[in-house]
C-alpha cells in the first residue's frame, strides 16, 4: 500500500542559527490504497501506476530508516513516472543536503515543478524561500502569491482523513504566513501580489494532484 511522506516548510526559525531560512521537516501520511481516482473538471481520472507507487513507497521506507541516498534514488524514479509528491520530497532532500551534497537550487526547481502541478506543500515551500531570499532573490510579491495559492489549494478535498489533516496544516501555515506578509507589503506591492496570486490560483491551485 502506498505510504505518503510529504516535506513541508514549517514557519519556525532555528534559534541560535545564523541562517535565516526556516526549518524543513517531513510529514507522513498514513498507508492507504488508491481506492478512488482524483478527478478535476479539466482532467480525466487516473490512477498512479503500480511501478510509480512502488518507487515512491521505497523512498518513504528509505527515508524512515535515514537512508536518504536511497530515498533520493527511489523518489527520482517516482518523479520521472509523474509523482508530484516525489518532486516535493526531492526538493526537501536536495535543499537540505540529505542523501548527498546540498543543492538548494535544484531543490527549489523540484518545488517549482511540483507547485506548478498543484501541490500545496511545494507552493508553501516556495513562499518561504522567496520571503526569506535564501538561494533566490528576495521577492515578497512572489512569496505572497505562492502563500495564497497554497492556502487555496489546501482547501481542495482529499481522499482520507489523514490527508485532510495534512492539508489543514498546510492551509494554517500558509494563512499565518499571509497574515505576517501583510505588514511587509506596500500598497502597490499588495495590489501586484493579489493580482499574481489570483493568476497562480487559477493556474495551479485546483490542478489534478497525484501521489
Protein backbone atom coordinates (compact mmCIF):
# COMPACT_ATOMS: atom_id res chain seq x y z
CA UNK A 1 0.00 0.00 0.00
CA UNK A 2 1.35 3.45 -0.78
CA UNK A 3 2.79 5.38 2.12
CA UNK A 4 2.84 9.11 1.67
CA UNK A 5 5.59 11.30 3.10
CA UNK A 6 5.38 14.99 2.33
CA UNK A 7 8.13 17.51 3.10
CA UNK A 8 6.69 20.81 4.28
CA UNK A 9 8.36 24.07 5.21
CA UNK A 10 7.27 25.00 8.71
CA UNK A 11 7.05 28.64 9.71
CA UNK A 12 9.52 28.17 12.58
CA UNK A 13 13.03 29.57 12.57
CA UNK A 14 16.01 27.87 14.15
CA UNK A 15 17.07 29.88 17.21
CA UNK A 16 20.77 30.44 17.62
CA UNK A 17 21.46 29.76 13.96
CA UNK A 18 22.89 32.36 11.59
CA UNK A 19 20.75 31.06 8.76
CA UNK A 20 17.56 32.96 8.04
CA UNK A 21 15.70 30.15 6.28
CA UNK A 22 13.03 28.13 8.03
CA UNK A 23 13.39 24.56 9.10
CA UNK A 24 12.07 21.89 6.79
CA UNK A 25 10.66 18.68 8.19
CA UNK A 26 8.80 15.74 6.64
CA UNK A 27 5.18 14.98 7.41
CA UNK A 28 3.94 11.45 6.78
CA UNK A 29 0.58 10.31 5.53
CA UNK A 30 -0.93 7.03 6.62
CA UNK A 31 -0.63 3.95 4.41
CA UNK A 32 -3.57 3.51 2.08
CA UNK A 33 -4.58 2.09 -1.28
CA UNK A 34 -5.74 4.48 -4.03
CA UNK A 35 -9.35 3.45 -3.67
CA UNK A 36 -10.72 6.19 -5.88
CA UNK A 37 -9.16 8.37 -8.59
CA UNK A 38 -8.52 12.08 -8.20
CA UNK A 39 -10.86 13.98 -10.51
CA UNK A 40 -10.89 17.56 -11.74
CA UNK A 41 -13.10 19.24 -14.29
CA UNK A 42 -10.22 19.64 -16.71
CA UNK A 43 -8.54 16.25 -16.49
CA UNK A 44 -9.67 12.67 -16.73
CA UNK A 45 -9.42 10.49 -13.65
CA UNK A 46 -6.46 8.17 -13.48
CA UNK A 47 -4.60 6.02 -11.00
CA UNK A 48 -0.88 6.19 -10.29
CA UNK A 49 0.93 3.29 -11.94
CA UNK A 50 1.93 0.34 -9.72
CA UNK A 51 5.60 0.92 -10.59
CA UNK A 52 5.38 4.56 -9.55
CA UNK A 53 3.67 3.67 -6.28
CA UNK A 54 6.35 1.05 -5.56
CA UNK A 55 9.19 3.53 -6.20
CA UNK A 56 7.51 6.17 -4.08
CA UNK A 57 6.95 3.79 -1.15
CA UNK A 58 10.52 2.51 -1.29
CA UNK A 59 11.59 6.13 -0.95
CA UNK A 60 9.40 6.57 2.10
CA UNK A 61 10.76 3.43 3.75
CA UNK A 62 14.34 4.50 3.00
CA UNK A 63 13.64 7.92 4.48
CA UNK A 64 12.22 6.35 7.65
CA UNK A 65 15.49 4.49 8.27
CA UNK A 66 17.50 7.61 7.33
CA UNK A 67 18.88 6.09 4.13
CA UNK A 68 18.48 9.40 2.35
CA UNK A 69 20.63 8.45 -0.64
CA UNK A 70 18.30 5.56 -1.41
CA UNK A 71 15.30 7.81 -0.81
CA UNK A 72 16.65 10.18 -3.44
CA UNK A 73 17.04 7.36 -5.95
CA UNK A 74 13.56 5.94 -5.41
CA UNK A 75 11.85 9.33 -5.44
CA UNK A 76 13.73 10.31 -8.60
CA UNK A 77 12.25 7.21 -10.25
CA UNK A 78 8.78 8.08 -8.95
CA UNK A 79 9.13 11.68 -10.09
CA UNK A 80 10.12 10.60 -13.59
CA UNK A 81 6.95 8.50 -13.61
CA UNK A 82 4.85 11.54 -12.77
CA UNK A 83 4.69 11.79 -8.97
CA UNK A 84 4.27 15.38 -7.74
CA UNK A 85 4.71 14.20 -4.13
CA UNK A 86 8.08 12.69 -5.06
CA UNK A 87 9.12 16.02 -6.60
CA UNK A 88 8.15 17.76 -3.38
CA UNK A 89 10.15 15.33 -1.25
CA UNK A 90 13.15 15.57 -3.56
CA UNK A 91 13.04 19.31 -3.07
CA UNK A 92 13.38 18.71 0.67
CA UNK A 93 16.30 16.28 0.29
CA UNK A 94 18.27 18.42 -2.15
CA UNK A 95 17.55 21.68 -0.32
CA UNK A 96 18.80 20.27 2.98
CA UNK A 97 21.58 18.08 1.57
CA UNK A 98 20.20 14.80 2.87
CA UNK A 99 21.44 11.82 0.87
CA UNK A 100 24.13 13.77 -0.97
CA UNK A 101 25.66 17.16 -1.44
CA UNK A 102 23.30 20.08 -0.79
CA UNK A 103 21.88 21.55 -3.98
CA UNK A 104 19.32 24.16 -2.89
CA UNK A 105 18.81 25.45 -6.40
CA UNK A 106 17.88 22.01 -7.67
CA UNK A 107 15.67 21.54 -4.62
CA UNK A 108 13.85 24.76 -5.42
CA UNK A 109 13.48 23.63 -9.03
CA UNK A 110 11.78 20.44 -7.83
CA UNK A 111 9.40 22.51 -5.69
CA UNK A 112 8.62 24.79 -8.63
CA UNK A 113 7.72 21.81 -10.79
CA UNK A 114 5.50 20.28 -8.10
CA UNK A 115 3.94 23.68 -7.32
CA UNK A 116 3.04 24.19 -10.97
CA UNK A 117 1.29 20.82 -10.86
CA UNK A 118 -0.89 21.97 -7.97
CA UNK A 119 0.95 20.60 -4.93
CA UNK A 120 0.16 22.88 -1.94
CA UNK A 121 3.15 21.79 0.16
CA UNK A 122 5.57 22.86 -2.58
CA UNK A 123 3.69 26.12 -3.04
CA UNK A 124 4.14 26.79 0.68
CA UNK A 125 7.83 25.93 0.41
CA UNK A 126 8.29 28.39 -2.45
CA UNK A 127 6.56 31.10 -0.46
CA UNK A 128 9.04 30.68 2.38
CA UNK A 129 12.02 30.62 0.01
CA UNK A 130 11.00 33.85 -1.71
CA UNK A 131 10.07 35.52 1.57
CA UNK A 132 13.48 34.86 3.14
CA UNK A 133 15.51 35.33 -0.05
CA UNK A 134 17.60 32.28 0.70
CA UNK A 135 19.21 31.00 -2.53
CA UNK A 136 16.89 33.20 -4.62
CA UNK A 137 16.46 36.97 -4.81
CA UNK A 138 14.01 38.03 -2.12
CA UNK A 139 10.62 38.73 -3.67
CA UNK A 140 7.79 39.48 -1.26
CA UNK A 141 5.22 39.74 -4.05
CA UNK A 142 6.15 36.27 -5.30
CA UNK A 143 6.16 34.90 -1.75
CA UNK A 144 2.69 36.27 -1.04
CA UNK A 145 1.34 34.86 -4.32
CA UNK A 146 2.59 31.35 -3.53
CA UNK A 147 1.29 31.51 0.04
CA UNK A 148 -2.16 32.46 -1.25
CA UNK A 149 -2.01 29.69 -3.84
CA UNK A 150 -1.07 27.16 -1.16
CA UNK A 151 -3.88 28.32 1.10
CA UNK A 152 -6.42 27.90 -1.68
CA UNK A 153 -5.01 24.59 -2.85
CA UNK A 154 -5.15 23.22 0.68
CA UNK A 155 -8.93 23.69 0.63
CA UNK A 156 -9.33 21.08 -2.10
CA UNK A 157 -10.94 17.90 -0.78
CA UNK A 158 -8.57 14.96 -0.35
CA UNK A 159 -9.28 11.29 -0.07
CA UNK A 160 -8.54 10.31 3.54
CA UNK A 161 -8.81 11.87 6.97
CA UNK A 162 -5.02 11.87 7.36
CA UNK A 163 -4.63 13.73 4.06
CA UNK A 164 -7.26 16.21 5.14
CA UNK A 165 -5.36 16.89 8.36
CA UNK A 166 -2.14 17.41 6.39
CA UNK A 167 -3.93 19.84 4.09
CA UNK A 168 -5.28 21.70 7.11
CA UNK A 169 -1.73 22.03 8.47
CA UNK A 170 -0.54 23.40 5.14
CA UNK A 171 -3.50 25.77 4.97
CA UNK A 172 -2.89 27.05 8.51
CA UNK A 173 0.81 27.61 7.84
CA UNK A 174 0.04 29.44 4.59
CA UNK A 175 -2.60 31.66 6.19
CA UNK A 176 -0.31 32.51 9.10
CA UNK A 177 2.40 33.47 6.61
CA UNK A 178 -0.07 35.61 4.65
CA UNK A 179 -1.06 37.49 7.80
CA UNK A 180 2.58 38.27 8.56
CA UNK A 181 3.25 39.27 4.95
CA UNK A 182 0.55 41.94 5.03
CA UNK A 183 2.71 44.07 7.31
CA UNK A 184 5.66 43.83 4.93
CA UNK A 185 3.98 44.83 1.67
CA UNK A 186 3.43 48.37 0.49
CA UNK A 187 0.05 49.23 -1.03
CA UNK A 188 1.42 48.88 -4.56
CA UNK A 189 3.12 45.60 -3.70
CA UNK A 190 -0.07 44.25 -2.20
CA UNK A 191 -2.05 45.07 -5.35
CA UNK A 192 0.57 43.36 -7.51
CA UNK A 193 0.75 40.40 -5.14
CA UNK A 194 -3.03 39.90 -5.20
CA UNK A 195 -3.08 40.02 -8.99
CA UNK A 196 -0.28 37.47 -9.22
CA UNK A 197 -1.86 35.31 -6.55
CA UNK A 198 -5.13 35.18 -8.47
CA UNK A 199 -3.26 34.08 -11.61
CA UNK A 200 -1.47 31.35 -9.68
CA UNK A 201 -4.68 30.16 -8.05
CA UNK A 202 -6.42 29.90 -11.43
CA UNK A 203 -3.45 28.07 -12.94
CA UNK A 204 -2.15 25.93 -10.10
CA UNK A 205 -4.37 25.74 -7.03
CA UNK A 206 -7.01 23.43 -8.49
CA UNK A 207 -4.81 21.24 -10.67
CA UNK A 208 -5.10 17.45 -10.51
CA UNK A 209 -2.83 16.20 -7.70
CA UNK A 210 -1.49 12.65 -7.68
CA UNK A 211 0.81 10.83 -5.30
